Protein backbone atom coordinates (compact mmCIF):
# COMPACT_ATOMS: atom_id res chain seq x y z
CA MET A 1 0.95 14.56 -19.34
CA ILE A 2 -1.76 14.36 -17.12
CA ASP A 3 -4.23 14.90 -19.57
CA SER A 4 -2.56 11.80 -21.37
CA LEU A 5 -2.64 9.12 -17.67
CA VAL A 6 -6.48 10.30 -17.45
CA SER A 7 -7.35 9.31 -21.17
CA PHE A 8 -5.83 6.74 -20.71
CA VAL A 9 -7.11 5.37 -17.57
CA ILE A 10 -10.80 6.62 -18.58
CA GLY A 11 -10.34 4.63 -22.10
CA MET A 12 -9.11 1.43 -20.43
CA SER A 13 -13.04 1.31 -18.72
CA GLY A 14 -14.56 2.64 -22.09
CA GLY A 15 -15.10 6.25 -20.56
CA GLY A 16 -16.08 5.37 -17.02
CA ALA A 17 -12.86 7.14 -14.78
CA ALA A 18 -13.75 5.32 -11.87
CA LEU A 19 -13.77 1.60 -13.33
CA GLY A 20 -10.61 3.16 -15.12
CA ILE A 21 -9.07 4.37 -11.51
CA VAL A 22 -9.80 0.50 -10.43
CA LEU A 23 -8.74 -1.36 -13.76
CA PHE A 24 -5.49 0.91 -13.37
CA THR A 25 -4.63 -0.13 -9.91
CA LEU A 26 -5.19 -3.57 -10.83
CA LEU A 27 -2.56 -3.70 -13.41
CA VAL A 28 -0.15 -1.88 -10.98
CA ARG A 29 -0.34 -4.37 -8.74
CA LEU A 30 -0.29 -7.16 -11.06
CA LEU A 31 3.37 -5.17 -12.37
CA LEU A 32 4.71 -5.61 -8.98
CA LEU A 33 3.26 -8.74 -7.95
CA PRO A 34 6.95 -10.63 -8.93
CA LEU A 35 8.95 -7.98 -6.01
CA ASN A 36 5.90 -8.87 -3.97
CA VAL A 37 6.20 -12.83 -4.61
CA ARG A 38 10.00 -11.80 -3.76
CA GLN A 39 9.27 -9.54 -0.82
CA ALA A 40 7.64 -12.72 0.54
CA ARG A 41 10.03 -15.00 0.16
CA THR A 42 12.67 -12.39 2.16
CA VAL A 43 10.05 -12.56 4.89
CA LYS A 44 10.26 -16.39 5.06
CA ILE A 45 13.90 -16.42 5.25
CA ARG A 46 14.46 -14.00 7.70
CA GLU A 47 11.66 -16.30 10.01
CA ARG A 48 13.91 -18.96 8.92
CA LEU A 49 17.14 -17.47 10.02
CA ALA A 50 15.48 -15.21 12.92
CA PRO A 51 17.43 -17.74 15.46
CA LYS A 52 20.94 -17.48 13.76
CA LEU A 53 20.60 -13.38 13.46
CA ARG A 54 19.70 -12.71 17.22
CA GLU A 55 23.20 -14.65 17.46
CA LEU A 56 24.75 -12.58 14.92
CA ARG A 57 23.80 -9.89 16.76
CA LYS A 58 25.00 -10.69 19.88
CA ARG A 59 28.08 -11.76 18.98
CA HIS A 60 28.82 -8.47 17.11
CA ALA A 61 26.89 -6.28 19.07
CA ARG A 62 30.08 -3.67 19.55
CA ASN A 63 31.24 -4.09 15.40
CA PRO A 64 28.45 -3.20 13.57
CA GLU A 65 30.81 -3.50 10.19
CA ARG A 66 31.19 -6.89 11.14
CA LEU A 67 27.68 -7.55 11.74
CA SER A 68 27.17 -6.11 8.41
CA LYS A 69 29.58 -8.13 6.79
CA GLU A 70 28.23 -11.16 8.48
CA LEU A 71 24.52 -10.83 8.04
CA SER A 72 25.29 -9.93 4.37
CA ALA A 73 26.98 -13.41 3.67
CA LEU A 74 24.21 -15.02 5.77
CA TYR A 75 21.54 -13.78 3.38
CA ALA A 76 23.62 -14.25 0.10
CA LYS A 77 23.77 -18.09 1.78
CA GLU A 78 19.85 -18.18 1.16
CA GLY A 79 20.46 -15.53 -2.24
CA SER A 80 18.65 -12.89 -0.59
CA SER A 81 19.37 -9.59 0.72
CA PRO A 82 18.55 -7.78 4.13
CA PHE A 83 17.03 -4.59 1.84
CA ALA A 84 14.85 -7.45 -0.76
CA GLY A 85 11.55 -6.10 1.03
CA ILE A 86 12.24 -2.65 0.75
CA LEU A 87 11.89 -3.22 -3.40
CA PRO A 88 7.89 -3.33 -3.43
CA GLY A 89 7.31 -0.07 -1.34
CA LEU A 90 9.88 2.11 -3.55
CA ALA A 91 7.88 0.80 -6.98
CA GLN A 92 5.10 1.84 -5.76
CA VAL A 93 5.90 5.51 -5.08
CA PRO A 94 5.93 6.42 -8.71
CA PHE A 95 2.56 4.75 -9.54
CA MET A 96 0.83 6.58 -6.08
CA TRP A 97 2.43 10.17 -7.28
CA LEU A 98 1.13 9.69 -11.05
CA MET A 99 -2.46 8.98 -9.04
CA TYR A 100 -1.93 11.62 -7.00
CA ARG A 101 -1.57 14.35 -9.36
CA VAL A 102 -4.58 12.91 -11.37
CA ALA A 103 -6.41 13.45 -8.49
CA THR A 104 -5.53 16.39 -7.70
CA HIS A 105 -5.60 17.77 -10.91
CA PRO A 106 -7.99 20.98 -11.05
CA THR A 107 -9.62 19.58 -14.31
CA ALA A 108 -8.68 16.27 -15.08
CA LEU A 109 -11.25 14.69 -13.44
CA ALA A 110 -14.39 17.30 -13.80
CA GLY A 111 -17.60 15.61 -14.53
CA HIS A 112 -16.42 12.19 -13.09
CA ASP A 113 -18.11 10.32 -10.14
CA LEU A 114 -18.82 7.47 -8.64
CA PHE A 115 -22.06 6.67 -7.84
CA GLY A 116 -22.65 10.84 -7.51
CA ALA A 117 -19.25 11.31 -5.61
CA PRO A 118 -17.18 13.51 -7.54
CA LEU A 119 -14.14 11.78 -7.77
CA GLY A 120 -12.38 14.89 -8.06
CA GLN A 121 -13.04 16.37 -4.24
CA GLN A 122 -12.35 15.91 -0.81
CA VAL A 123 -14.76 14.79 1.85
CA ALA A 124 -14.58 18.60 2.89
CA GLY A 125 -15.47 19.81 -0.01
CA VAL A 126 -18.35 17.09 -0.24
CA VAL A 127 -20.06 17.99 3.02
CA ALA A 128 -19.75 21.71 1.95
CA ASN A 129 -21.61 21.19 -1.13
CA TYR A 130 -23.84 18.20 -0.74
CA GLY A 131 -24.45 18.06 3.23
CA LEU A 132 -23.55 15.33 5.43
CA ALA A 133 -26.83 13.90 4.49
CA SER A 134 -26.40 13.05 1.40
CA GLY A 135 -25.08 9.96 -1.37
CA PRO A 136 -21.79 11.26 -2.08
CA PHE A 137 -21.15 11.83 1.53
CA SER A 138 -22.44 8.05 1.65
CA VAL A 139 -20.30 7.18 -0.97
CA PHE A 140 -16.95 8.73 1.12
CA VAL A 141 -18.29 6.99 4.44
CA VAL A 142 -18.68 3.51 2.83
CA MET A 143 -15.10 3.81 1.03
CA ILE A 144 -13.57 5.07 4.53
CA ALA A 145 -15.58 2.26 6.45
CA LEU A 146 -14.25 -0.29 3.91
CA MET A 147 -10.65 1.00 4.19
CA ALA A 148 -10.78 0.60 7.91
CA VAL A 149 -11.66 -3.32 7.42
CA VAL A 150 -8.74 -4.03 5.07
CA ALA A 151 -6.48 -1.61 7.35
CA TRP A 152 -7.98 -3.96 10.37
CA SER A 153 -6.84 -7.01 8.45
CA SER A 154 -3.84 -6.08 7.59
CA ALA A 155 -2.42 -4.78 11.07
CA ARG A 156 -3.30 -8.66 12.13
CA GLN A 157 -1.08 -10.14 9.26
CA ILE A 158 2.37 -7.69 10.68
CA LYS A 159 4.80 -10.07 12.22
CA VAL A 160 6.71 -8.01 14.69
CA ILE A 161 10.64 -8.55 15.56
CA GLU A 162 10.81 -9.23 19.08
CA GLU A 163 14.15 -7.53 18.93
CA GLN A 164 12.48 -4.42 18.45
CA PRO A 165 11.31 -1.86 21.01
CA GLU A 166 7.97 -2.14 22.32
CA ALA A 167 6.72 1.56 20.96
CA MET A 168 8.39 0.10 17.48
CA ARG A 169 5.99 -2.62 17.50
CA LYS A 170 2.90 -0.76 18.28
CA ILE A 171 3.60 1.84 15.11
CA MET A 172 4.04 -0.68 12.71
CA ARG A 173 0.48 -2.34 14.01
CA LEU A 174 -0.80 0.97 13.62
CA LEU A 175 0.81 1.71 9.62
CA PRO A 176 -1.60 -0.01 8.09
CA TYR A 177 -4.23 2.47 9.29
CA GLY A 178 -2.65 5.68 7.69
CA SER A 179 -4.40 4.72 4.47
CA VAL A 180 -7.56 5.80 6.54
CA LEU A 181 -6.33 8.92 7.44
CA ALA A 182 -5.05 9.51 3.64
CA ALA A 183 -8.40 8.94 2.59
CA LEU A 184 -9.71 12.00 4.74
CA VAL A 185 -7.62 14.50 3.05
CA LEU A 186 -6.99 13.13 -0.61
CA PRO A 187 -10.10 13.17 -3.37
CA LEU A 188 -12.28 10.25 -3.52
CA ALA A 189 -9.65 8.98 -6.67
CA GLY A 190 -6.74 8.98 -4.59
CA GLY A 191 -8.84 7.21 -2.04
CA LEU A 192 -10.44 4.82 -4.67
CA TYR A 193 -6.69 4.09 -5.80
CA LEU A 194 -5.75 2.87 -2.10
CA LEU A 195 -8.89 0.63 -1.25
CA VAL A 196 -8.36 -1.24 -4.41
CA SER A 197 -4.24 -1.10 -3.88
CA THR A 198 -4.62 -2.03 0.09
CA ALA A 199 -6.97 -4.66 -0.20
CA TRP A 200 -5.29 -6.55 -3.19
CA ALA A 201 -2.32 -6.10 -0.99
CA THR A 202 -3.64 -7.48 1.94
CA GLY A 203 -5.20 -10.35 -0.09
CA GLU A 204 -2.21 -10.99 -1.52
CA ARG A 205 0.11 -11.45 1.72
CA ALA A 206 -2.64 -13.57 2.97
CA VAL A 207 -2.05 -15.69 -0.62
CA LEU A 208 1.83 -15.64 -0.23
CA ALA A 209 2.13 -16.54 3.54
CA SER A 210 0.32 -19.64 2.83
CA ARG A 211 2.48 -21.24 0.02
CA PRO A 212 6.11 -22.06 -0.04
CA LEU A 213 8.39 -20.04 -1.77
């Protein structure tokens, strides 16, 4: 299965594994676009309903069952659901798992690199094999720096809910930086997938937030 997926990804780019990963990631994001549009619509609905949501939570604070029914009914009038925003994240899991399996496969990416940095190696392996003052290590540095910029931009887009505890609001703003930490332990192929995917997601949210849905 992994070998077939690698052959498919590489075949998409005419033999270049790094370009194949980029194209595969873009294809995944395009497939998920309808779900992300729905998620953006749910966010706008939640923002519009915020005063009513606060009122319902106060009114039925001691009756969770009644509160759940009232919230579901309120969202149903808007043609949405309180859980609609979860779908895009869940839909990405199989693709992320497949790319992780490809990136960590012992031989799948052997001989393939990005500007001299082996796609199947982690940053620790690159340092051990090439040293800090090397081209392959510089590739990792540039990639992680780009991921940090994307994470910063993504964190600025996060809209926290007033009712959430302060600690939760801080955690939500830090969540985008998880991709940067992941890039430090994942092989270069996995980091490349995350970089392209998170950059697309950040730009997509900006576009969808500026348009009526």
